[in-house]
């Protein structure tokens, strides 16, 4: 009997569904398919193309259907991934490219700038992302955009060699003070916005001189020597002069004024008694500090003689005050204590504030502050029989402020005493006035040197509803531009998705051509009002077969929000229908 056998034929591997190019966001996930057949069934192996880096083990998984899934995508995952099917009869391979998009991120944050009237101010901004973001400048309250190379009056946007973009403001004026420069970056993955403020100063805006060590009340015997110190700082350096009962004190046989400003009086006589006032003056203004000098016969048994305490007995200067909060009418400052408390316990804190004008203020402890010609005089009313006669009895915070429309300085003014903690809130401030704070410590021997002055600060009165709207529109992503689809040779249909419509009255649609040589000023803006369910708009009047970049900016009244992501699309070619390249979906 003859037995006939049937031989089984082997089939080389083949792909019924191979991997396709994909785009993923940083932090997202992506999946590549690899459905293979053959006889015997092939084994499937995934690998990264040579030079593309290692497979991200720990974040990559091969699923039951042999698909490759990459979790928590990072920028380094970008590259080519290959699927290889092998069953011993043959091998088949297919590859796909992963493009990783990352939203714009600020790598160089613009900082607040100070410039004097007539000088140029420059802001710097750097934004990274993939694809490379379109970065531009704008000014808060003005909807014009400045891409690198563009100019608008005294404003110019420039590119630096290291990839930063600069905003230069030429010959600033007082009206530029408070200007908010806005740096924005957009790409298909998202957007970012950062702001910086311009403060314009002039020589007259410098705070008046600060007397760091002034005279104190003394009772001295006839024929002795009186030493009345007066040290001051300021920009420019102040000039120190002395007065006795309002009459200038001039050097003489028994009177000497050192270069540092200290007044020496030798061989004291009764006629030398009086109120001595140190005046520190400059073009920024003047400050004054007064003390009473009493002269008595050394044999008078009813007089307790005392000299000024040594500066080493005073506390050390507190740390520089920092602005920790501000509202439309108040500013809160905070500072650090100095470990040096001096020869007696710290008594507290004192606050000084600029108010201008001429007024007499009676304050706790029996002192009078009189504002005269842009300065202040502090006159002690304590009995001269006390051993220590401090000018004030606290750690003091001094505040200087000026209305932008005024000239000159009205000095530093005490506004609070006996403040216990290293924090203070000053209320009832005037909008648009710039204030500067400084802090002194005090014990029963006297005042410390002043702290370094704070940064200038001003308060603005704003509509609370608009403040809330600005916060809502700037902090969160309000809208995503989901698609830009060409519909003709001159039109593109935009589609978007709203995430929060509470403070959205409409959108500004910005678009600009990306092909060929173009001016950096070439962009167009259209306004679309938000009407309920509307989530698209057709932009017409475009150039034929030209690639455009689009993005949206939500707005509420005069408040502009954070831009959407961007999309690109090319209009159809003339002479017939042409399917244009479309931007990848994220």
Protein backbone atom coordinates (compact mmCIF):
# COMPACT_ATOMS: atom_id res chain seq x y z
CA UNK A 1 0.00 0.00 0.00
CA UNK A 2 1.30 3.43 -0.95
CA UNK A 3 0.85 6.32 1.51
CA UNK A 4 0.92 9.84 0.07
CA UNK A 5 1.75 12.83 2.47
CA UNK A 6 0.83 16.53 2.03
CA UNK A 7 3.63 19.00 2.77
CA UNK A 8 2.70 22.21 4.69
CA UNK A 9 3.98 25.41 3.04
CA UNK A 10 5.62 28.14 5.19
CA UNK A 11 4.55 31.78 4.73
CA UNK A 12 6.93 34.70 5.18
CA UNK A 13 5.91 37.38 7.71
CA UNK A 14 3.78 40.25 6.50
CA UNK A 15 2.34 43.33 8.18
CA UNK A 16 -1.41 43.83 8.11
CA UNK A 17 -1.05 47.06 10.11
CA UNK A 18 2.25 48.77 10.71
CA UNK A 19 3.30 51.73 12.87
CA UNK A 20 2.39 55.24 11.77
CA UNK A 21 4.18 58.51 12.48
CA UNK A 22 2.79 60.05 15.65
CA UNK A 23 2.95 63.26 17.66
CA UNK A 24 2.78 63.23 21.45
CA UNK A 25 2.91 65.84 24.17
CA UNK A 26 5.52 65.74 26.90
CA UNK A 27 3.96 63.80 29.78
CA UNK A 28 1.44 62.07 27.54
CA UNK A 29 1.45 58.62 25.97
CA UNK A 30 1.68 57.21 22.46
CA UNK A 31 1.03 53.81 20.87
CA UNK A 32 2.52 52.23 17.73
CA UNK A 33 0.77 49.24 16.13
CA UNK A 34 2.45 46.20 14.57
CA UNK A 35 -0.03 43.52 13.45
CA UNK A 36 1.92 40.76 11.66
CA UNK A 37 0.92 37.49 10.03
CA UNK A 38 2.77 34.51 8.58
CA UNK A 39 3.23 30.78 9.01
CA UNK A 40 4.54 29.97 11.46
CA UNK A 41 3.29 33.05 13.38
CA UNK A 42 6.17 35.50 13.62
CA UNK A 43 7.76 36.89 16.71
CA UNK A 44 7.63 40.69 16.94
CA UNK A 45 10.57 42.74 18.19
CA UNK A 46 10.60 46.50 18.79
CA UNK A 47 13.74 48.57 18.68
CA UNK A 48 14.85 52.16 18.28
CA UNK A 49 16.73 53.01 15.13
CA UNK A 50 20.49 53.16 15.57
CA UNK A 51 21.52 56.56 16.88
CA UNK A 52 18.03 57.28 18.19
CA UNK A 53 18.86 56.48 21.80
CA UNK A 54 17.93 53.63 24.12
CA UNK A 55 14.45 52.23 24.48
CA UNK A 56 12.83 53.99 27.48
CA UNK A 57 12.63 50.94 29.71
CA UNK A 58 10.20 51.27 32.57
CA UNK A 59 7.96 53.51 30.51
CA UNK A 60 7.54 51.26 27.48
CA UNK A 61 5.22 48.24 27.23
CA UNK A 62 4.51 45.66 24.48
CA UNK A 63 0.78 44.93 24.54
CA UNK A 64 -0.99 41.63 23.76
CA UNK A 65 -1.56 42.66 20.15
CA UNK A 66 2.20 43.38 19.89
CA UNK A 67 1.65 47.15 19.86
CA UNK A 68 4.26 49.34 21.55
CA UNK A 69 3.04 51.86 24.11
CA UNK A 70 5.27 54.59 25.55
CA UNK A 71 4.09 56.24 28.78
CA UNK A 72 5.05 59.58 30.31
CA UNK A 73 6.71 60.78 27.14
CA UNK A 74 9.78 62.98 27.46
CA UNK A 75 11.59 65.03 24.82
CA UNK A 76 14.36 62.42 24.56
CA UNK A 77 11.83 59.84 23.33
CA UNK A 78 11.61 61.63 20.00
CA UNK A 79 12.95 59.56 17.11
CA UNK A 80 12.31 56.50 14.97
CA UNK A 81 10.82 53.25 16.31
CA UNK A 82 11.02 50.00 14.29
CA UNK A 83 8.84 46.92 14.40
CA UNK A 84 10.47 43.66 13.19
CA UNK A 85 8.48 40.44 12.54
CA UNK A 86 10.55 37.21 12.17
CA UNK A 87 9.31 33.58 11.84
CA UNK A 88 12.46 31.87 10.57
CA UNK A 89 11.22 31.94 7.00
CA UNK A 90 11.66 35.64 6.57
CA UNK A 91 11.79 39.05 8.23
CA UNK A 92 9.70 42.14 7.66
CA UNK A 93 10.33 45.55 9.14
CA UNK A 94 8.49 48.85 9.37
CA UNK A 95 9.34 52.12 11.10
CA UNK A 96 7.53 55.22 12.35
CA UNK A 97 8.76 58.51 13.74
CA UNK A 98 7.68 59.91 17.10
CA UNK A 99 7.67 63.68 17.31
CA UNK A 100 7.47 65.02 20.87
CA UNK A 101 5.84 68.39 21.33
CA UNK A 102 6.46 70.39 24.48
CA UNK A 103 4.51 73.53 25.34
CA UNK A 104 6.40 76.82 25.58
CA UNK A 105 8.34 77.33 28.81
CA UNK A 106 10.10 80.45 30.01
CA UNK A 107 13.86 79.98 30.30
CA UNK A 108 14.73 83.69 30.66
CA UNK A 109 12.18 85.56 32.73
CA UNK A 110 11.92 89.31 32.07
CA UNK A 111 12.53 91.35 35.20
CA UNK A 112 11.15 94.70 36.27
CA UNK A 113 13.27 97.53 34.88
CA UNK A 114 14.23 100.94 36.24
CA UNK A 115 15.25 103.73 33.90
CA UNK A 116 15.70 107.45 34.27
CA UNK A 117 13.79 109.87 32.07
CA UNK A 118 15.47 110.00 28.66
CA UNK A 119 17.24 106.66 29.02
CA UNK A 120 16.42 103.46 27.12
CA UNK A 121 14.81 100.50 28.90
CA UNK A 122 15.39 96.91 27.79
CA UNK A 123 13.50 93.74 28.73
CA UNK A 124 14.79 90.23 27.92
CA UNK A 125 12.75 87.08 27.45
CA UNK A 126 13.63 83.53 26.46
CA UNK A 127 11.10 80.78 25.67
CA UNK A 128 11.80 77.16 24.79
CA UNK A 129 9.50 74.46 23.42
CA UNK A 130 9.00 72.02 20.57
CA UNK A 131 8.18 73.00 17.89
CA UNK A 132 10.11 76.20 18.44
CA UNK A 133 7.58 78.70 19.77
CA UNK A 134 6.67 81.95 18.10
CA UNK A 135 7.68 84.56 20.68
CA UNK A 136 6.47 88.14 20.66
CA UNK A 137 6.16 91.21 22.88
CA UNK A 138 3.15 93.35 23.62
CA UNK A 139 2.26 96.10 26.07
CA UNK A 140 -0.59 95.59 28.50
CA UNK A 141 -3.59 97.55 27.26
CA UNK A 142 -2.33 97.60 23.66
CA UNK A 143 -3.22 94.75 21.31
CA UNK A 144 -0.35 95.33 18.89
CA UNK A 145 2.17 92.49 18.72
CA UNK A 146 5.90 92.95 18.25
CA UNK A 147 7.61 89.94 16.70
CA UNK A 148 11.43 90.06 16.48
CA UNK A 149 12.45 92.79 14.07
CA UNK A 150 9.24 94.79 14.43
CA UNK A 151 9.04 98.40 15.63
CA UNK A 152 6.21 100.58 16.84
CA UNK A 153 7.12 104.16 17.68
CA UNK A 154 9.73 104.07 20.45
CA UNK A 155 9.30 100.30 20.91
CA UNK A 156 11.39 97.71 19.09
CA UNK A 157 11.58 93.90 19.37
CA UNK A 158 15.01 92.44 18.70
CA UNK A 159 16.62 89.00 18.61
CA UNK A 160 19.86 88.27 20.43
CA UNK A 161 22.53 85.80 19.30
CA UNK A 162 21.67 83.40 22.11
CA UNK A 163 18.01 83.14 21.06
CA UNK A 164 16.47 85.61 23.47
CA UNK A 165 14.14 88.32 22.28
CA UNK A 166 14.47 91.84 23.60
CA UNK A 167 12.01 94.68 23.94
CA UNK A 168 13.71 98.07 23.78
CA UNK A 169 11.89 101.25 24.76
CA UNK A 170 13.76 104.33 23.62
CA UNK A 171 13.95 107.59 25.58
CA UNK A 172 11.47 106.70 28.29
CA UNK A 173 9.22 109.42 29.65
CA UNK A 174 7.42 109.81 32.96
CA UNK A 175 4.24 108.63 31.25
CA UNK A 176 5.95 105.28 30.57
CA UNK A 177 6.24 104.56 34.28
CA UNK A 178 4.04 101.60 35.18
CA UNK A 179 4.11 100.20 31.64
CA UNK A 180 3.71 96.40 31.69
CA UNK A 181 5.74 94.55 29.05
CA UNK A 182 4.22 91.17 28.15
CA UNK A 183 6.30 88.36 26.63
CA UNK A 184 4.25 85.57 25.04
CA UNK A 185 5.20 82.31 23.36
CA UNK A 186 2.88 80.02 21.36
CA UNK A 187 3.27 76.70 19.58
CA UNK A 188 0.90 73.81 18.72
CA UNK A 189 1.33 72.38 22.22
CA UNK A 190 0.32 75.46 24.23
CA UNK A 191 1.31 78.96 25.27
CA UNK A 192 3.04 80.89 28.02
CA UNK A 193 2.85 84.52 29.17
CA UNK A 194 5.16 86.46 31.50
CA UNK A 195 5.14 90.12 32.46
CA UNK A 196 7.55 92.76 33.71
CA UNK A 197 6.98 96.36 34.75
CA UNK A 198 8.85 99.55 33.89
CA UNK A 199 9.52 102.19 36.52
CA UNK A 200 10.71 105.55 35.26
CA UNK A 201 12.70 107.71 37.64
CA UNK A 202 14.43 111.06 37.54
CA UNK A 203 17.12 112.57 39.78
CA UNK A 204 14.35 114.26 41.74
CA UNK A 205 12.78 110.86 42.46
CA UNK A 206 15.63 109.84 44.73
CA UNK A 207 14.51 109.71 48.37
CA UNK A 208 15.83 112.57 50.49
CA UNK A 209 18.94 112.03 52.58
CA UNK A 210 18.74 109.70 55.56
CA UNK A 211 20.39 110.78 58.79
CA UNK A 212 21.99 107.63 60.10
CA UNK A 213 23.24 109.11 63.38
CA UNK A 214 21.88 112.34 64.82
CA UNK A 215 22.45 114.41 67.96
CA UNK A 216 20.73 113.69 71.28
CA UNK A 217 19.78 115.91 74.21
CA UNK A 218 22.68 116.64 76.53
CA UNK A 219 23.26 118.58 79.75
CA UNK A 220 26.94 119.55 80.13
CA UNK A 221 29.00 121.68 82.50
CA UNK A 222 30.51 125.04 81.59
CA UNK A 223 34.04 124.85 80.09
CA UNK A 224 33.51 121.25 78.90
CA UNK A 225 33.34 119.98 75.29
CA UNK A 226 30.10 119.18 73.41
CA UNK A 227 30.10 116.58 70.63
CA UNK A 228 27.01 116.49 68.41
CA UNK A 229 27.24 113.86 65.67
CA UNK A 230 25.45 114.03 62.34
CA UNK A 231 26.02 111.39 59.72
CA UNK A 232 23.86 111.08 56.61
CA UNK A 233 23.63 109.09 53.41
CA UNK A 234 21.84 109.72 50.14
CA UNK A 235 22.13 110.00 46.37
CA UNK A 236 23.70 112.36 45.61
CA UNK A 237 25.81 112.63 48.77
CA UNK A 238 24.21 115.17 51.09
CA UNK A 239 25.79 118.33 52.48
CA UNK A 240 25.54 118.76 56.26
CA UNK A 241 24.99 122.12 57.92
CA UNK A 242 24.19 123.09 61.52
CA UNK A 243 21.83 125.62 63.08
CA UNK A 244 21.36 126.82 66.66
CA UNK A 245 17.89 128.15 67.33
CA UNK A 246 17.47 128.63 63.58
CA UNK A 247 20.73 130.57 63.11
CA UNK A 248 23.58 128.99 61.09
CA UNK A 249 26.49 127.68 63.12
CA UNK A 250 29.83 128.79 61.64
CA UNK A 251 33.30 127.48 62.47
CA UNK A 252 35.24 129.65 64.93
CA UNK A 253 37.85 129.60 67.69
CA UNK A 254 35.77 127.19 69.79
CA UNK A 255 33.54 125.68 67.07
CA UNK A 256 34.59 123.04 64.57
CA UNK A 257 32.58 120.93 62.08
CA UNK A 258 34.34 117.80 60.86
CA UNK A 259 34.21 116.52 57.30
CA UNK A 260 31.87 113.76 58.52
CA UNK A 261 29.45 116.40 59.85
CA UNK A 262 30.10 116.17 63.61
CA UNK A 263 29.86 119.48 65.50
CA UNK A 264 32.46 120.12 68.24
CA UNK A 265 32.07 123.02 70.70
CA UNK A 266 35.00 123.64 73.08
CA UNK A 267 35.05 125.69 76.30
CA UNK A 268 31.28 125.70 76.60
CA UNK A 269 29.59 128.79 77.89
CA UNK A 270 25.98 129.43 78.94
CA UNK A 271 25.39 131.29 75.67
CA UNK A 272 26.13 128.07 73.74
CA UNK A 273 22.91 126.48 75.03
CA UNK A 274 20.00 126.01 72.62
CA UNK A 275 18.38 123.70 70.09
CA UNK A 276 20.94 122.42 67.62
CA UNK A 277 19.65 121.19 64.27
CA UNK A 278 21.60 119.09 61.81
CA UNK A 279 20.40 119.55 58.20
CA UNK A 280 21.38 116.99 55.54
CA UNK A 281 20.44 118.37 52.12
CA UNK A 282 20.84 117.48 48.46
CA UNK A 283 18.89 118.03 45.26
CA UNK A 284 16.65 115.14 46.42
CA UNK A 285 15.49 117.09 49.46
CA UNK A 286 16.56 117.55 53.03
CA UNK A 287 16.26 115.89 56.40
CA UNK A 288 16.80 117.46 59.79
CA UNK A 289 17.48 116.19 63.27
CA UNK A 290 17.45 118.37 66.40
CA UNK A 291 18.54 118.06 70.00
CA UNK A 292 18.70 120.39 72.99
CA UNK A 293 22.04 121.33 74.53
CA UNK A 294 21.83 122.66 78.10
CA UNK A 295 24.84 124.30 79.80
CA UNK A 296 25.02 124.59 83.61
CA UNK A 297 27.69 125.47 86.18
CA UNK A 298 29.49 122.30 87.29
CA UNK A 299 28.84 123.17 90.93
CA UNK A 300 25.02 123.24 90.62
CA UNK A 301 23.83 120.36 92.89
CA UNK A 302 20.35 120.29 91.31
CA UNK A 303 21.55 119.37 87.83
CA UNK A 304 22.19 115.84 86.58
CA UNK A 305 24.77 116.09 83.84
CA UNK A 306 24.75 113.56 80.98
CA UNK A 307 26.37 113.12 77.61
CA UNK A 308 25.07 111.40 74.48
CA UNK A 309 25.34 107.59 74.66
CA UNK A 310 27.98 105.88 72.56
CA UNK A 311 26.72 104.53 69.18
CA UNK A 312 27.92 101.07 70.25
CA UNK A 313 25.06 101.01 72.76
CA UNK A 314 22.46 101.24 69.95
CA UNK A 315 20.89 98.22 68.20
CA UNK A 316 22.17 96.99 64.86
CA UNK A 317 20.28 97.93 61.68
CA UNK A 318 17.37 95.63 60.72
CA UNK A 319 17.32 93.74 57.44
CA UNK A 320 16.05 95.36 54.27
CA UNK A 321 12.24 95.56 54.27
CA UNK A 322 10.51 93.52 51.56
CA UNK A 323 7.06 94.03 50.11
CA UNK A 324 5.02 90.96 51.06
CA UNK A 325 1.55 92.17 50.08
CA UNK A 326 -0.25 95.14 48.63
CA UNK A 327 -3.84 96.10 47.95
CA UNK A 328 -5.43 99.07 46.23
CA UNK A 329 -4.67 101.25 49.29
CA UNK A 330 -2.19 99.40 51.53
CA UNK A 331 1.26 97.89 51.53
CA UNK A 332 2.63 95.27 53.92
CA UNK A 333 6.36 95.09 54.56
CA UNK A 334 8.45 92.56 56.44
CA UNK A 335 12.05 92.62 57.63
CA UNK A 336 14.49 90.55 59.66
CA UNK A 337 15.77 91.42 63.11
CA UNK A 338 19.39 92.16 63.83
CA UNK A 339 20.99 89.96 66.46
CA UNK A 340 22.70 92.99 67.94
CA UNK A 341 20.26 94.60 70.38
CA UNK A 342 22.77 96.98 71.97
CA UNK A 343 23.14 97.82 75.64
CA UNK A 344 19.43 97.62 76.48
CA UNK A 345 16.39 95.68 75.41
CA UNK A 346 14.71 96.40 72.10
CA UNK A 347 11.63 98.52 72.59
CA UNK A 348 9.82 98.01 69.30
CA UNK A 349 9.40 99.40 65.81
CA UNK A 350 8.58 102.76 64.32
CA UNK A 351 7.19 103.49 60.85
CA UNK A 352 7.89 106.57 58.75
CA UNK A 353 5.88 107.63 55.74
CA UNK A 354 6.03 110.45 53.22
CA UNK A 355 2.99 112.72 53.11
CA UNK A 356 4.44 116.00 51.90
CA UNK A 357 3.37 119.52 52.67
CA UNK A 358 3.75 121.25 56.04
CA UNK A 359 2.19 119.90 59.15
CA UNK A 360 2.89 119.40 62.82
CA UNK A 361 2.21 115.99 64.24
CA UNK A 362 2.20 115.13 67.94
CA UNK A 363 3.29 111.57 68.48
CA UNK A 364 3.50 109.15 71.36
CA UNK A 365 6.30 109.77 73.83
CA UNK A 366 6.22 113.56 73.75
CA UNK A 367 7.85 114.21 70.39
CA UNK A 368 6.87 116.61 67.66
CA UNK A 369 7.59 116.08 63.98
CA UNK A 370 7.58 119.23 61.90
CA UNK A 371 7.90 119.14 58.11
CA UNK A 372 9.85 122.11 56.86
CA UNK A 373 10.97 122.75 53.28
CA UNK A 374 10.85 119.12 52.27
CA UNK A 375 12.39 117.76 55.45
CA UNK A 376 11.42 117.12 59.02
CA UNK A 377 12.60 118.31 62.42
CA UNK A 378 12.18 116.11 65.46
CA UNK A 379 12.17 118.05 68.72
CA UNK A 380 12.42 116.26 72.04
CA UNK A 381 10.07 117.31 74.85
CA UNK A 382 11.41 114.94 77.48
CA UNK A 383 12.81 116.30 80.70
CA UNK A 384 16.56 116.81 80.47
CA UNK A 385 16.94 115.17 83.89
CA UNK A 386 16.62 111.68 82.37
CA UNK A 387 19.90 109.79 82.06
CA UNK A 388 19.27 108.71 78.42
CA UNK A 389 17.43 110.99 76.06
CA UNK A 390 16.62 108.96 72.93
CA UNK A 391 15.15 110.88 70.05
CA UNK A 392 12.52 108.18 69.51
CA UNK A 393 11.75 104.96 71.36
CA UNK A 394 11.27 102.23 68.77
CA UNK A 395 12.56 100.37 65.77
CA UNK A 396 11.41 102.74 63.08
CA UNK A 397 10.27 102.23 59.53
CA UNK A 398 10.61 105.27 57.33
CA UNK A 399 8.65 105.67 54.13
CA UNK A 400 9.28 108.07 51.31
CA UNK A 401 6.75 108.68 48.55
CA UNK A 402 6.06 111.11 45.78
CA UNK A 403 3.20 111.76 43.43
CA UNK A 404 4.42 111.50 39.82
CA UNK A 405 3.22 115.04 39.18
CA UNK A 406 5.20 116.67 41.99
CA UNK A 407 8.76 117.90 42.10
CA UNK A 408 11.26 117.67 44.90
CA UNK A 409 10.95 115.73 48.12
CA UNK A 410 9.01 116.26 51.28
CA UNK A 411 11.12 113.91 53.38
CA UNK A 412 10.70 110.85 55.56
CA UNK A 413 7.77 110.83 57.97
CA UNK A 414 7.01 108.72 61.04
CA UNK A 415 3.57 107.13 60.79
CA UNK A 416 3.54 104.46 63.51
CA UNK A 417 5.29 103.64 66.77
CA UNK A 418 5.72 100.71 69.07
CA UNK A 419 5.16 98.15 66.32
CA UNK A 420 6.11 94.86 67.94
CA UNK A 421 6.69 92.43 65.10
CA UNK A 422 8.96 92.50 62.04
CA UNK A 423 5.94 93.16 59.85
CA UNK A 424 3.83 96.25 59.28
CA UNK A 425 0.92 97.26 57.06
CA UNK A 426 0.51 100.88 56.00
CA UNK A 427 -3.05 101.78 55.05
CA UNK A 428 -4.66 104.72 53.23
CA UNK A 429 -1.93 105.05 50.61
CA UNK A 430 -2.48 107.19 47.57
CA UNK A 431 -2.73 105.45 44.19
CA UNK A 432 0.10 106.05 41.70
CA UNK A 433 2.42 107.40 44.39
CA UNK A 434 5.72 105.56 44.72
CA UNK A 435 6.75 104.67 48.26
CA UNK A 436 10.07 103.56 49.73
CA UNK A 437 10.45 102.05 53.19
CA UNK A 438 13.34 101.84 55.58
CA UNK A 439 13.56 100.41 59.08
CA UNK A 440 15.36 101.35 62.29
CA UNK A 441 15.66 99.52 65.59
CA UNK A 442 15.66 101.30 68.93
CA UNK A 443 16.42 100.54 72.51
CA UNK A 444 16.42 102.87 75.50
CA UNK A 445 19.83 104.24 74.45
CA UNK A 446 18.82 105.35 70.96
CA UNK A 447 18.13 104.52 67.34
CA UNK A 448 20.03 102.06 65.20
CA UNK A 449 21.40 102.95 61.80
CA UNK A 450 18.72 102.59 59.11
CA UNK A 451 18.17 99.48 57.06
CA UNK A 452 18.78 99.40 53.34
CA UNK A 453 15.74 101.06 51.72
CA UNK A 454 13.08 98.82 50.23
CA UNK A 455 12.29 98.55 46.56
CA UNK A 456 9.89 101.26 45.39
CA UNK A 457 6.24 100.25 45.52
CA UNK A 458 2.98 101.85 44.46
CA UNK A 459 -0.66 100.91 44.74
CA UNK A 460 -3.23 100.96 41.97
CA UNK A 461 -6.98 101.22 42.27
CA UNK A 462 -8.52 98.56 40.05
CA UNK A 463 -11.99 97.20 39.57
CA UNK A 464 -12.15 94.03 41.66
CA UNK A 465 -14.15 92.30 38.94
CA UNK A 466 -11.46 93.09 36.36
CA UNK A 467 -8.75 91.86 38.72
CA UNK A 468 -10.61 88.57 39.03
CA UNK A 469 -11.08 88.42 35.27
CA UNK A 470 -7.39 89.06 34.62
CA UNK A 471 -6.44 86.32 37.04
CA UNK A 472 -8.85 83.86 35.43
CA UNK A 473 -7.83 84.67 31.87
CA UNK A 474 -4.06 84.64 32.50
CA UNK A 475 -3.56 81.72 34.88
CA UNK A 476 -5.47 78.99 33.07
CA UNK A 477 -5.76 77.81 29.49
CA UNK A 478 -9.15 79.13 28.46
CA UNK A 479 -9.30 77.92 24.87
CA UNK A 480 -7.58 75.35 22.65
CA UNK A 481 -7.33 75.85 18.91
CA UNK A 482 -8.07 72.28 17.80
CA UNK A 483 -7.82 72.61 14.03
CA UNK A 484 -6.98 74.93 11.15
CA UNK A 485 -8.40 73.50 7.93
CA UNK A 486 -8.00 75.12 4.50
CA UNK A 487 -11.29 75.39 2.65
CA UNK A 488 -10.26 77.31 -0.47
CA UNK A 489 -7.39 79.16 -2.05
CA UNK A 490 -8.01 82.15 0.23
CA UNK A 491 -9.78 80.81 3.35
CA UNK A 492 -9.05 78.64 6.39
CA UNK A 493 -11.63 77.30 8.86
CA UNK A 494 -10.58 77.50 12.51
CA UNK A 495 -12.11 75.28 15.18
CA UNK A 496 -11.59 75.65 18.92
CA UNK A 497 -12.72 74.22 22.23
CA UNK A 498 -13.61 76.37 25.23
CA UNK A 499 -12.62 75.23 28.74
CA UNK A 500 -13.93 78.16 30.79
CA UNK A 501 -16.20 80.84 29.37
CA UNK A 502 -16.91 82.78 32.59
CA UNK A 503 -14.77 85.78 31.63
CA UNK A 504 -14.77 85.48 27.85
CA UNK A 505 -16.55 88.11 25.79
CA UNK A 506 -14.79 87.12 22.60
CA UNK A 507 -11.52 86.30 20.88
CA UNK A 508 -8.90 88.17 18.96
CA UNK A 509 -7.77 85.96 16.09
CA UNK A 510 -4.17 86.64 15.14
CA UNK A 511 -2.63 85.21 12.01
CA UNK A 512 0.45 85.84 9.90
CA UNK A 513 2.03 84.31 6.76
CA UNK A 514 5.05 82.07 7.29
CA UNK A 515 6.21 81.64 3.68
CA UNK A 516 8.82 83.67 1.82
CA UNK A 517 10.32 86.97 2.83
CA UNK A 518 7.90 88.84 5.04
CA UNK A 519 8.01 91.86 7.25
CA UNK A 520 7.97 91.14 11.00
CA UNK A 521 5.08 93.61 11.21
CA UNK A 522 2.96 91.44 8.89
CA UNK A 523 0.13 90.02 10.95
CA UNK A 524 -3.61 90.52 11.04
CA UNK A 525 -6.09 90.62 13.92
CA UNK A 526 -9.82 89.95 13.72
CA UNK A 527 -12.32 90.17 16.57
CA UNK A 528 -14.91 87.44 17.11
CA UNK A 529 -17.51 87.81 19.85
CA UNK A 530 -18.30 84.75 21.93
CA UNK A 531 -21.87 83.65 21.25
CA UNK A 532 -22.81 80.59 23.21
CA UNK A 533 -22.10 77.41 21.26
CA UNK A 534 -20.01 79.00 18.52
CA UNK A 535 -16.67 77.21 18.28
CA UNK A 536 -15.32 78.09 14.87
CA UNK A 537 -14.62 80.88 12.40
CA UNK A 538 -13.64 81.05 8.76
CA UNK A 539 -10.76 83.40 8.06
CA UNK A 540 -11.01 84.75 4.52
CA UNK A 541 -8.93 87.06 2.34
CA UNK A 542 -5.74 85.01 2.63
CA UNK A 543 -3.04 84.65 -0.01
CA UNK A 544 -3.15 81.69 -2.40
CA UNK A 545 -1.12 78.60 -1.48
CA UNK A 546 0.44 80.28 1.54
CA UNK A 547 1.17 78.79 4.95
CA UNK A 548 -0.25 80.74 7.90
CA UNK A 549 0.10 80.58 11.68
CA UNK A 550 -3.07 81.16 13.74
CA UNK A 551 -3.77 81.60 17.45
CA UNK A 552 -6.52 83.09 19.62
CA UNK A 553 -6.46 85.55 22.53
CA UNK A 554 -9.58 85.58 24.76
CA UNK A 555 -10.67 88.93 26.14
CA UNK A 556 -13.05 90.40 28.72
CA UNK A 557 -13.70 94.15 28.45
CA UNK A 558 -10.17 95.68 28.36
CA UNK A 559 -8.49 92.59 29.82
CA UNK A 560 -6.63 90.30 27.42
CA UNK A 561 -6.04 86.68 28.38
CA UNK A 562 -3.48 84.01 27.77
CA UNK A 563 -3.15 83.04 24.09
CA UNK A 564 -4.29 79.67 22.86
CA UNK A 565 -1.92 77.22 21.25
CA UNK A 566 -1.09 77.88 17.61
CA UNK A 567 -1.98 76.00 14.43
CA UNK A 568 -0.62 76.25 10.91
CA UNK A 569 -2.38 75.62 7.61
CA UNK A 570 -1.71 76.28 3.93
CA UNK A 571 -4.36 77.66 1.64
CA UNK A 572 -5.18 75.70 -1.51
CA UNK A 573 -3.16 76.12 -4.66
CA UNK A 574 -4.78 78.11 -7.42
CA UNK A 575 -6.13 76.44 -10.59
CA UNK A 576 -7.83 73.54 -8.89
CA UNK A 577 -8.37 71.76 -5.65
CA UNK A 578 -5.29 70.70 -3.75
CA UNK A 579 -5.39 68.92 -0.42
CA UNK A 580 -3.12 71.02 1.76
CA UNK A 581 -0.81 69.69 4.43
CA UNK A 582 -2.53 69.76 7.78
CA UNK A 583 -1.10 70.40 11.18
CA UNK A 584 -0.70 67.34 13.38
CA UNK A 585 -3.25 66.68 16.06
CA UNK A 586 -2.04 66.80 19.62
